[in-house]
Amino acid sequence: MKAVISVTGCDAIGIIAKASCVCAEFDVNIVDISQTVLQEYFSMIMVVEIDKISAPFSVFVDRMSELGKANSLEIRTMHEDIFNAMHRI
């Protein structure tokens, strides 16, 4: 199973590192990542594997959201089933 994580906010040093560390804490594997900086605005999307996650998915989602709040970022984590359902025509 996979999930999609989006991160947006003002650019700062270490955003990718901090998000990656939380993924590692939960045994979540990053399989694809795309990030860009437009002037001072940071945007990143990660596709992660959650097959071996070490805690309930909801705990991981909350932890990523807390990371965002602590760093003035918006971090949203969505299970692939929900993501796919939202983007079907």
N, C-alpha and C. Protein backbone atom coordinates (compact mmCIF):
# COMPACT_ATOMS: atom_id res chain seq x y z
N MET A 1 0.83 -1.18 0.00
CA MET A 1 0.00 0.00 0.00
C MET A 1 0.87 1.24 0.00
N LYS A 2 0.32 2.29 -0.55
CA LYS A 2 1.05 3.54 -0.65
C LYS A 2 0.22 4.68 -0.06
N ALA A 3 0.91 5.79 0.16
CA ALA A 3 0.28 7.02 0.60
C ALA A 3 0.95 8.18 -0.12
N VAL A 4 0.27 9.30 -0.17
CA VAL A 4 0.79 10.51 -0.80
C VAL A 4 0.90 11.58 0.28
N ILE A 5 2.09 12.17 0.38
CA ILE A 5 2.34 13.22 1.36
C ILE A 5 2.64 14.51 0.61
N SER A 6 1.92 15.57 0.92
CA SER A 6 2.21 16.87 0.31
C SER A 6 2.67 17.83 1.40
N VAL A 7 3.66 18.63 1.05
CA VAL A 7 4.24 19.59 1.99
C VAL A 7 4.32 20.94 1.27
N THR A 8 3.77 21.97 1.88
CA THR A 8 3.85 23.31 1.30
C THR A 8 4.13 24.33 2.40
N GLY A 9 4.78 25.41 2.01
CA GLY A 9 5.06 26.48 2.96
C GLY A 9 6.23 27.31 2.50
N CYS A 10 6.69 28.18 3.36
CA CYS A 10 7.87 28.99 3.06
C CYS A 10 9.10 28.11 3.10
N ASP A 11 10.02 28.35 2.19
CA ASP A 11 11.23 27.54 2.11
C ASP A 11 12.10 27.74 3.35
N ALA A 12 12.72 26.66 3.79
CA ALA A 12 13.64 26.69 4.93
C ALA A 12 14.59 25.51 4.81
N ILE A 13 15.71 25.61 5.43
CA ILE A 13 16.69 24.52 5.42
C ILE A 13 16.14 23.33 6.20
N GLY A 14 16.26 22.13 5.62
CA GLY A 14 15.96 20.90 6.34
C GLY A 14 14.55 20.35 6.23
N ILE A 15 13.71 20.92 5.40
CA ILE A 15 12.33 20.43 5.30
C ILE A 15 12.31 18.98 4.84
N ILE A 16 13.04 18.66 3.79
CA ILE A 16 13.06 17.28 3.28
C ILE A 16 13.64 16.35 4.34
N ALA A 17 14.70 16.78 4.99
CA ALA A 17 15.34 15.94 6.02
C ALA A 17 14.37 15.64 7.16
N LYS A 18 13.65 16.64 7.62
CA LYS A 18 12.71 16.44 8.74
C LYS A 18 11.58 15.49 8.35
N ALA A 19 11.02 15.67 7.16
CA ALA A 19 9.95 14.77 6.72
C ALA A 19 10.48 13.35 6.53
N SER A 20 11.68 13.23 5.98
CA SER A 20 12.28 11.91 5.78
C SER A 20 12.55 11.21 7.11
N CYS A 21 12.97 11.95 8.10
CA CYS A 21 13.24 11.37 9.42
C CYS A 21 11.97 10.78 10.05
N VAL A 22 10.86 11.49 9.92
CA VAL A 22 9.60 10.97 10.46
C VAL A 22 9.21 9.71 9.71
N CYS A 23 9.38 9.71 8.40
CA CYS A 23 9.09 8.48 7.63
C CYS A 23 9.94 7.32 8.13
N ALA A 24 11.21 7.57 8.35
CA ALA A 24 12.12 6.52 8.83
C ALA A 24 11.70 6.02 10.21
N GLU A 25 11.28 6.93 11.10
CA GLU A 25 10.83 6.54 12.44
C GLU A 25 9.70 5.52 12.39
N PHE A 26 8.84 5.64 11.37
CA PHE A 26 7.67 4.78 11.24
C PHE A 26 7.87 3.64 10.24
N ASP A 27 9.10 3.44 9.78
CA ASP A 27 9.39 2.40 8.78
C ASP A 27 8.59 2.60 7.49
N VAL A 28 8.42 3.84 7.11
CA VAL A 28 7.73 4.21 5.88
C VAL A 28 8.80 4.51 4.83
N ASN A 29 8.70 3.84 3.69
CA ASN A 29 9.71 3.97 2.64
C ASN A 29 9.29 4.99 1.59
N ILE A 30 10.15 5.96 1.33
CA ILE A 30 9.88 6.95 0.28
C ILE A 30 10.26 6.32 -1.06
N VAL A 31 9.29 6.20 -1.96
CA VAL A 31 9.56 5.58 -3.27
C VAL A 31 9.67 6.62 -4.39
N ASP A 32 9.11 7.79 -4.18
CA ASP A 32 9.23 8.85 -5.18
C ASP A 32 9.07 10.19 -4.47
N ILE A 33 9.80 11.17 -4.94
CA ILE A 33 9.75 12.48 -4.33
C ILE A 33 9.96 13.54 -5.40
N SER A 34 9.17 14.61 -5.31
CA SER A 34 9.33 15.74 -6.21
C SER A 34 9.20 16.99 -5.37
N GLN A 35 10.14 17.89 -5.54
CA GLN A 35 10.07 19.14 -4.79
C GLN A 35 10.53 20.29 -5.66
N THR A 36 10.00 21.44 -5.34
CA THR A 36 10.40 22.64 -6.06
C THR A 36 10.30 23.84 -5.13
N VAL A 37 11.05 24.85 -5.45
CA VAL A 37 10.98 26.12 -4.73
C VAL A 37 10.68 27.20 -5.76
N LEU A 38 9.59 27.91 -5.56
CA LEU A 38 9.21 29.04 -6.42
C LEU A 38 9.37 30.30 -5.59
N GLN A 39 10.39 31.08 -5.91
CA GLN A 39 10.78 32.23 -5.10
C GLN A 39 11.01 31.74 -3.67
N GLU A 40 10.20 32.14 -2.71
CA GLU A 40 10.41 31.68 -1.34
C GLU A 40 9.45 30.57 -0.90
N TYR A 41 8.68 30.03 -1.85
CA TYR A 41 7.67 29.03 -1.52
C TYR A 41 8.14 27.62 -1.86
N PHE A 42 8.02 26.72 -0.89
CA PHE A 42 8.45 25.33 -1.02
C PHE A 42 7.23 24.45 -1.26
N SER A 43 7.38 23.47 -2.17
CA SER A 43 6.32 22.51 -2.44
C SER A 43 6.95 21.15 -2.68
N MET A 44 6.40 20.12 -2.04
CA MET A 44 6.94 18.77 -2.21
C MET A 44 5.80 17.76 -2.18
N ILE A 45 5.93 16.74 -3.01
CA ILE A 45 5.03 15.60 -2.98
C ILE A 45 5.89 14.35 -2.87
N MET A 46 5.53 13.49 -1.93
CA MET A 46 6.21 12.21 -1.77
C MET A 46 5.20 11.08 -1.91
N VAL A 47 5.60 10.03 -2.59
CA VAL A 47 4.84 8.79 -2.61
C VAL A 47 5.61 7.83 -1.72
N VAL A 48 4.91 7.26 -0.75
CA VAL A 48 5.57 6.39 0.22
C VAL A 48 4.87 5.04 0.29
N GLU A 49 5.65 4.01 0.63
CA GLU A 49 5.09 2.67 0.88
C GLU A 49 4.82 2.56 2.37
N ILE A 50 3.62 2.08 2.70
CA ILE A 50 3.24 1.95 4.10
C ILE A 50 2.99 0.50 4.49
N ASP A 51 3.45 -0.44 3.68
CA ASP A 51 3.23 -1.86 3.97
C ASP A 51 3.84 -2.29 5.30
N LYS A 52 4.98 -1.72 5.66
CA LYS A 52 5.70 -2.13 6.87
C LYS A 52 5.65 -1.08 7.96
N ILE A 53 4.65 -0.19 7.90
CA ILE A 53 4.54 0.88 8.88
C ILE A 53 4.49 0.30 10.29
N SER A 54 5.20 0.94 11.21
CA SER A 54 5.37 0.40 12.56
C SER A 54 4.32 0.87 13.56
N ALA A 55 3.33 1.61 13.12
CA ALA A 55 2.26 2.12 13.98
C ALA A 55 1.00 2.26 13.12
N PRO A 56 -0.15 2.47 13.73
CA PRO A 56 -1.34 2.71 12.92
C PRO A 56 -1.14 3.91 11.99
N PHE A 57 -1.71 3.82 10.79
CA PHE A 57 -1.56 4.88 9.80
C PHE A 57 -2.00 6.23 10.36
N SER A 58 -3.07 6.24 11.14
CA SER A 58 -3.58 7.50 11.70
C SER A 58 -2.56 8.17 12.62
N VAL A 59 -1.75 7.39 13.32
CA VAL A 59 -0.71 7.94 14.18
C VAL A 59 0.36 8.62 13.32
N PHE A 60 0.72 7.97 12.22
CA PHE A 60 1.69 8.55 11.28
C PHE A 60 1.15 9.86 10.69
N VAL A 61 -0.10 9.86 10.28
CA VAL A 61 -0.73 11.06 9.71
C VAL A 61 -0.67 12.20 10.72
N ASP A 62 -1.02 11.91 11.97
CA ASP A 62 -0.99 12.94 13.01
C ASP A 62 0.43 13.46 13.25
N ARG A 63 1.41 12.56 13.25
CA ARG A 63 2.81 12.96 13.48
C ARG A 63 3.30 13.87 12.36
N MET A 64 2.95 13.54 11.11
CA MET A 64 3.35 14.39 9.98
C MET A 64 2.68 15.76 10.09
N SER A 65 1.43 15.79 10.48
CA SER A 65 0.72 17.05 10.65
C SER A 65 1.37 17.89 11.75
N GLU A 66 1.74 17.25 12.86
CA GLU A 66 2.43 17.94 13.95
C GLU A 66 3.75 18.53 13.48
N LEU A 67 4.49 17.77 12.67
CA LEU A 67 5.74 18.25 12.10
C LEU A 67 5.49 19.52 11.30
N GLY A 68 4.44 19.51 10.51
CA GLY A 68 4.10 20.69 9.72
C GLY A 68 3.81 21.89 10.60
N LYS A 69 2.98 21.71 11.60
CA LYS A 69 2.63 22.82 12.49
C LYS A 69 3.86 23.38 13.20
N ALA A 70 4.74 22.50 13.63
CA ALA A 70 5.94 22.92 14.35
C ALA A 70 6.91 23.70 13.46
N ASN A 71 6.77 23.54 12.13
CA ASN A 71 7.68 24.19 11.20
C ASN A 71 6.97 25.16 10.25
N SER A 72 5.78 25.59 10.62
CA SER A 72 4.97 26.53 9.82
C SER A 72 4.77 26.03 8.38
N LEU A 73 4.48 24.71 8.27
CA LEU A 73 4.22 24.08 6.97
C LEU A 73 2.85 23.44 6.99
N GLU A 74 2.32 23.20 5.83
CA GLU A 74 1.09 22.42 5.70
C GLU A 74 1.52 21.05 5.19
N ILE A 75 1.34 20.01 6.01
CA ILE A 75 1.68 18.65 5.61
C ILE A 75 0.42 17.81 5.66
N ARG A 76 0.07 17.26 4.51
CA ARG A 76 -1.12 16.39 4.40
C ARG A 76 -0.68 15.02 3.94
N THR A 77 -1.17 14.01 4.62
CA THR A 77 -0.83 12.62 4.30
C THR A 77 -2.13 11.89 3.99
N MET A 78 -2.18 11.30 2.81
CA MET A 78 -3.40 10.67 2.34
C MET A 78 -3.14 9.25 1.84
N HIS A 79 -3.93 8.30 2.30
CA HIS A 79 -3.83 6.92 1.83
C HIS A 79 -4.13 6.90 0.34
N GLU A 80 -3.45 6.02 -0.39
CA GLU A 80 -3.62 5.99 -1.85
C GLU A 80 -5.06 5.71 -2.26
N ASP A 81 -5.81 4.93 -1.50
CA ASP A 81 -7.21 4.65 -1.86
C ASP A 81 -8.03 5.93 -1.87
N ILE A 82 -7.83 6.78 -0.87
CA ILE A 82 -8.55 8.06 -0.81
C ILE A 82 -8.08 8.97 -1.93
N PHE A 83 -6.76 9.04 -2.12
CA PHE A 83 -6.20 9.88 -3.18
C PHE A 83 -6.78 9.48 -4.55
N ASN A 84 -6.78 8.19 -4.83
CA ASN A 84 -7.30 7.71 -6.13
C ASN A 84 -8.79 7.99 -6.27
N ALA A 85 -9.55 7.82 -5.20
CA ALA A 85 -10.99 8.07 -5.26
C ALA A 85 -11.26 9.56 -5.54
N MET A 86 -10.46 10.43 -4.98
CA MET A 86 -10.66 11.87 -5.18
C MET A 86 -10.33 12.32 -6.59
N HIS A 87 -9.50 11.55 -7.30
CA HIS A 87 -9.02 11.99 -8.60
C HIS A 87 -9.55 11.16 -9.76
N ARG A 88 -10.64 10.43 -9.54
CA ARG A 88 -11.30 9.71 -10.62
C ARG A 88 -12.30 10.61 -11.29
N ILE A 89 -12.41 10.43 -12.57
CA ILE A 89 -13.39 11.23 -13.32
C ILE A 89 -14.69 10.46 -13.42
